[in-house]
Amino acid sequence: MIKKILFNKIIPKIHKFYLSVNLKITEFTPEEGEKCLCLAPHADDESIGCGGILSLYPKNFDVICLTDGRKGVKSVSVEEAIKIRKNEFSNAMTSAGVNSFQIFNAEDKHLIEYFEQFRTIPVEKYDYIFIPNMLDQHPDHKAVSLLLRRLIDKTKHKSNLKIAFYEVWTTLALPNAFVDITSVKYKKETLINSHKSQIEQKNYTKKALALNEYRGLQKNRDFAEAFCIVDVPVFKKMCDECI
């Protein structure tokens, strides 16, 4: 009875779900030729959550910033804010060495309304798709999981496609993949600092690298990025049961 109350009333659904699947912990390295896509709800999410792995393996990655960032710079016009965020994203991706990157220009905080544009993403090309933790409370961050869940049902994808959750606003409950980013720690710092308009509001660089330093403890490294990598059936179940 106590156990039933504990699991039904106290432990959140997501934790119950994590306990029901086998998440073997590994050190993750994309193989040569494997194609990875990083979906960033906003310019800077890709640098905060994946700046290390992007710096280590830029040739493996395509990056799409999904929104226009119009609400991220308060002191200027909408048009100027969009221009600033676009330039910052471009500078960050150039610093990382990523050759293929683009901005979808969905309206900031309204991403969930842009499925018709989202469905143009060629998911069949990719072995891994990186997205924010589905428990992030920002509506655009949640929207990425919901839109991808819908897209996967409507289009072809590789049978071995994996979805990799990364950390921005919410840490992962049970990360199962770690990337040692010690050698590119300063490069990741440069990427995050490229988003000057955001750093002026909050010190994302310091906070993100502090999390990376903590994650390094779990694999006996100085700095690491953590991910939760799951296959498509598990991803669908997570979306259906946990969002």
Protein backbone atom coordinates (compact mmCIF):
# COMPACT_ATOMS: atom_id res chain seq x y z
CA MET A 1 0.00 0.00 0.00
CA ILE A 2 2.80 2.41 0.93
CA LYS A 3 4.63 1.55 -2.28
CA LYS A 4 1.46 2.18 -4.32
CA ILE A 5 0.95 5.59 -2.72
CA LEU A 6 4.63 6.47 -3.23
CA PHE A 7 4.59 5.71 -6.93
CA ASN A 8 1.13 7.04 -7.74
CA LYS A 9 1.11 10.19 -5.66
CA ILE A 10 4.69 11.30 -4.99
CA ILE A 11 7.00 10.26 -7.80
CA PRO A 12 6.30 12.26 -10.97
CA LYS A 13 5.28 10.41 -14.11
CA ILE A 14 8.60 11.04 -15.79
CA HIS A 15 10.55 9.41 -12.97
CA LYS A 16 8.23 6.41 -13.03
CA PHE A 17 8.84 6.16 -16.75
CA TYR A 18 12.61 6.36 -16.42
CA LEU A 19 12.50 3.55 -13.87
CA SER A 20 10.59 1.38 -16.34
CA VAL A 21 13.21 1.44 -19.12
CA ASN A 22 16.81 0.31 -19.31
CA LEU A 23 19.09 3.33 -19.79
CA LYS A 24 22.62 1.97 -20.00
CA ILE A 25 25.20 4.69 -19.30
CA THR A 26 27.82 5.22 -22.01
CA GLU A 27 30.35 7.75 -23.26
CA PHE A 28 28.90 9.00 -26.52
CA THR A 29 30.86 9.62 -29.71
CA PRO A 30 29.16 9.96 -33.10
CA GLU A 31 30.73 7.67 -35.66
CA GLU A 32 32.28 9.04 -38.84
CA GLY A 33 29.49 9.56 -41.35
CA GLU A 34 26.69 9.55 -38.80
CA LYS A 35 24.39 12.52 -39.28
CA CYS A 36 23.17 14.47 -36.28
CA LEU A 37 20.61 17.27 -36.14
CA CYS A 38 20.45 19.75 -33.27
CA LEU A 39 17.10 21.50 -32.92
CA ALA A 40 17.34 24.69 -30.87
CA PRO A 41 14.11 26.42 -29.85
CA HIS A 42 16.03 29.69 -29.55
CA ALA A 43 19.43 31.01 -30.57
CA ASP A 44 21.71 30.11 -27.62
CA ASP A 45 20.00 26.85 -26.61
CA GLU A 46 22.28 24.94 -28.98
CA SER A 47 25.38 26.51 -27.41
CA ILE A 48 24.24 26.04 -23.80
CA GLY A 49 23.15 22.43 -24.19
CA CYS A 50 25.36 21.15 -27.03
CA GLY A 51 28.20 23.66 -27.42
CA GLY A 52 30.79 21.07 -26.46
CA ILE A 53 29.67 18.26 -28.73
CA LEU A 54 29.16 20.74 -31.59
CA SER A 55 32.73 21.96 -31.12
CA LEU A 56 34.10 18.40 -31.04
CA TYR A 57 32.13 17.04 -34.00
CA PRO A 58 30.98 19.98 -36.16
CA LYS A 59 31.07 17.96 -39.39
CA ASN A 60 28.54 15.49 -38.01
CA PHE A 61 25.99 18.18 -37.18
CA ASP A 62 23.34 20.27 -38.84
CA VAL A 63 21.75 22.88 -36.57
CA ILE A 64 18.35 24.53 -36.89
CA CYS A 65 17.29 27.46 -34.72
CA LEU A 66 13.52 27.24 -34.76
CA THR A 67 12.35 30.69 -33.61
CA ASP A 68 13.17 34.28 -34.53
CA GLY A 69 14.12 35.47 -31.02
CA ARG A 70 11.98 38.60 -31.21
CA LYS A 71 11.16 38.51 -27.49
CA GLY A 72 14.72 37.97 -26.33
CA VAL A 73 15.98 41.57 -26.58
CA LYS A 74 13.69 43.97 -24.74
CA SER A 75 15.31 47.33 -25.47
CA VAL A 76 15.01 47.32 -29.28
CA SER A 77 12.36 46.92 -31.96
CA VAL A 78 11.13 43.49 -33.01
CA GLU A 79 12.97 43.81 -36.32
CA GLU A 80 16.23 44.73 -34.60
CA ALA A 81 15.86 41.94 -32.03
CA ILE A 82 15.41 39.37 -34.79
CA LYS A 83 18.48 40.70 -36.60
CA ILE A 84 20.60 40.62 -33.43
CA ARG A 85 19.64 37.05 -32.53
CA LYS A 86 20.22 35.86 -36.10
CA ASN A 87 23.72 37.37 -36.19
CA GLU A 88 24.59 35.93 -32.79
CA PHE A 89 23.48 32.45 -33.86
CA SER A 90 25.48 32.69 -37.07
CA ASN A 91 28.58 33.80 -35.17
CA ALA A 92 28.25 30.93 -32.70
CA MET A 93 27.87 28.30 -35.40
CA THR A 94 30.79 29.73 -37.36
CA SER A 95 32.92 29.57 -34.20
CA ALA A 96 31.92 25.93 -33.71
CA GLY A 97 32.81 25.09 -37.31
CA VAL A 98 29.29 23.89 -38.19
CA ASN A 99 28.80 24.22 -41.94
CA SER A 100 25.06 23.62 -42.17
CA PHE A 101 22.83 25.80 -40.01
CA GLN A 102 19.63 27.76 -40.54
CA ILE A 103 16.88 29.69 -38.78
CA PHE A 104 13.21 28.77 -39.26
CA ASN A 105 11.89 32.13 -38.01
CA ALA A 106 8.85 30.79 -36.16
CA GLU A 107 7.50 33.48 -33.86
CA ASP A 108 9.12 33.38 -30.43
CA LYS A 109 6.84 31.63 -27.87
CA HIS A 110 4.51 30.39 -30.64
CA LEU A 111 6.58 27.50 -32.03
CA ILE A 112 3.82 24.92 -31.47
CA GLU A 113 1.77 26.69 -34.17
CA TYR A 114 4.39 26.08 -36.89
CA PHE A 115 4.02 22.39 -37.70
CA GLU A 116 3.71 22.97 -41.45
CA GLN A 117 7.17 24.52 -41.46
CA PHE A 118 8.53 22.01 -38.96
CA ARG A 119 7.46 19.11 -41.19
CA THR A 120 9.93 20.28 -43.88
CA ILE A 121 12.78 18.96 -41.70
CA PRO A 122 14.23 15.93 -43.56
CA VAL A 123 14.32 13.60 -40.55
CA GLU A 124 15.10 10.63 -42.80
CA LYS A 125 18.66 11.97 -43.18
CA TYR A 126 19.59 11.68 -39.53
CA ASP A 127 20.89 9.06 -37.13
CA TYR A 128 20.47 11.31 -34.08
CA ILE A 129 18.19 14.28 -33.40
CA PHE A 130 19.13 16.43 -30.40
CA ILE A 131 16.34 18.32 -28.63
CA PRO A 132 15.90 20.03 -25.24
CA ASN A 133 14.76 18.12 -22.18
CA MET A 134 11.01 17.68 -22.66
CA LEU A 135 10.46 18.80 -19.04
CA ASP A 136 11.74 22.31 -19.74
CA GLN A 137 8.88 24.63 -18.83
CA HIS A 138 9.34 27.14 -21.64
CA PRO A 139 6.50 26.54 -24.16
CA ASP A 140 8.85 26.52 -27.16
CA HIS A 141 11.10 23.92 -25.52
CA LYS A 142 8.15 21.60 -24.86
CA ALA A 143 6.91 22.26 -28.39
CA VAL A 144 10.02 20.71 -29.93
CA SER A 145 9.20 17.29 -28.44
CA LEU A 146 5.53 17.55 -29.37
CA LEU A 147 6.24 18.65 -32.95
CA LEU A 148 8.91 16.00 -33.45
CA ARG A 149 6.59 13.32 -32.05
CA ARG A 150 3.97 14.37 -34.59
CA LEU A 151 6.46 14.59 -37.45
CA ILE A 152 7.90 11.13 -36.83
CA ASP A 153 4.40 9.68 -37.17
CA LYS A 154 3.90 11.39 -40.52
CA THR A 155 7.22 10.89 -42.29
CA LYS A 156 9.89 8.28 -42.92
CA HIS A 157 12.91 8.00 -40.67
CA LYS A 158 15.82 5.61 -40.22
CA SER A 159 14.92 2.47 -38.31
CA ASN A 160 17.77 3.12 -35.88
CA LEU A 161 17.01 6.83 -35.34
CA LYS A 162 17.80 7.99 -31.81
CA ILE A 163 16.48 11.06 -29.99
CA ALA A 164 18.99 12.77 -27.68
CA PHE A 165 17.69 15.12 -24.99
CA TYR A 166 20.06 17.87 -23.88
CA GLU A 167 20.09 20.19 -20.87
CA VAL A 168 19.18 23.88 -20.93
CA TRP A 169 16.69 24.93 -18.25
CA THR A 170 16.00 21.56 -16.66
CA THR A 171 18.57 18.91 -15.80
CA LEU A 172 17.95 15.39 -17.02
CA ALA A 173 16.65 12.98 -14.39
CA LEU A 174 18.68 10.03 -15.67
CA PRO A 175 21.23 10.94 -18.36
CA ASN A 176 22.62 7.86 -20.06
CA ALA A 177 25.24 9.40 -22.35
CA PHE A 178 28.14 11.69 -21.55
CA VAL A 179 30.57 13.58 -23.78
CA ASP A 180 33.92 14.68 -22.38
CA ILE A 181 34.17 18.36 -23.37
CA THR A 182 37.25 19.20 -21.29
CA SER A 183 39.36 19.87 -24.39
CA VAL A 184 36.78 22.30 -25.82
CA LYS A 185 35.61 23.95 -22.61
CA TYR A 186 36.93 27.35 -23.69
CA LYS A 187 35.45 26.94 -27.16
CA LYS A 188 32.04 26.24 -25.65
CA GLU A 189 32.50 29.36 -23.55
CA THR A 190 33.12 31.32 -26.77
CA LEU A 191 29.98 29.88 -28.35
CA ILE A 192 27.74 30.88 -25.46
CA ASN A 193 29.36 34.31 -25.25
CA SER A 194 28.54 34.81 -28.94
CA HIS A 195 24.96 35.36 -27.77
CA LYS A 196 25.86 38.71 -26.26
CA SER A 197 22.28 39.98 -26.00
CA GLN A 198 21.45 37.04 -23.74
CA ILE A 199 24.63 37.08 -21.67
CA GLU A 200 23.93 40.71 -20.81
CA GLN A 201 20.70 39.54 -19.14
CA LYS A 202 21.95 36.38 -17.40
CA ASN A 203 25.37 34.77 -17.03
CA TYR A 204 24.50 31.65 -18.98
CA THR A 205 28.17 30.89 -19.62
CA LYS A 206 29.07 30.53 -15.96
CA LYS A 207 25.95 28.53 -15.12
CA ALA A 208 26.19 26.15 -18.09
CA LEU A 209 29.85 25.38 -17.49
CA ALA A 210 29.16 24.85 -13.79
CA LEU A 211 26.64 22.16 -14.77
CA ASN A 212 29.18 20.67 -17.19
CA GLU A 213 31.77 20.57 -14.41
CA TYR A 214 29.30 18.75 -12.16
CA ARG A 215 28.40 16.32 -14.95
CA GLY A 216 32.10 15.60 -15.34
CA LEU A 217 32.09 14.04 -11.88
CA GLN A 218 29.84 11.27 -13.14
CA LYS A 219 32.42 10.10 -15.70
CA ASN A 220 35.61 11.20 -13.91
CA ARG A 221 36.20 14.05 -16.35
CA ASP A 222 36.76 17.76 -15.73
CA PHE A 223 33.82 18.85 -17.91
CA ALA A 224 31.11 16.84 -19.64
CA GLU A 225 27.80 17.33 -21.40
CA ALA A 226 25.01 14.94 -20.44
CA PHE A 227 22.30 13.54 -22.68
CA CYS A 228 19.46 11.05 -22.50
CA ILE A 229 19.46 9.06 -25.74
CA VAL A 230 16.45 6.89 -26.56
CA ASP A 231 15.04 5.12 -29.59
CA VAL A 232 11.88 6.24 -31.36
CA PRO A 233 9.42 3.89 -29.57
CA VAL A 234 10.69 5.06 -26.18
CA PHE A 235 10.59 8.71 -27.30
CA LYS A 236 6.96 8.34 -28.38
CA LYS A 237 6.05 6.73 -25.08
CA MET A 238 7.79 9.52 -23.17
CA CYS A 239 5.84 12.15 -25.10
CA ASP A 240 2.54 10.34 -24.65
CA GLU A 241 2.96 9.67 -20.93
CA CYS A 242 5.08 12.51 -19.62
CA ILE A 243 4.07 15.75 -21.37
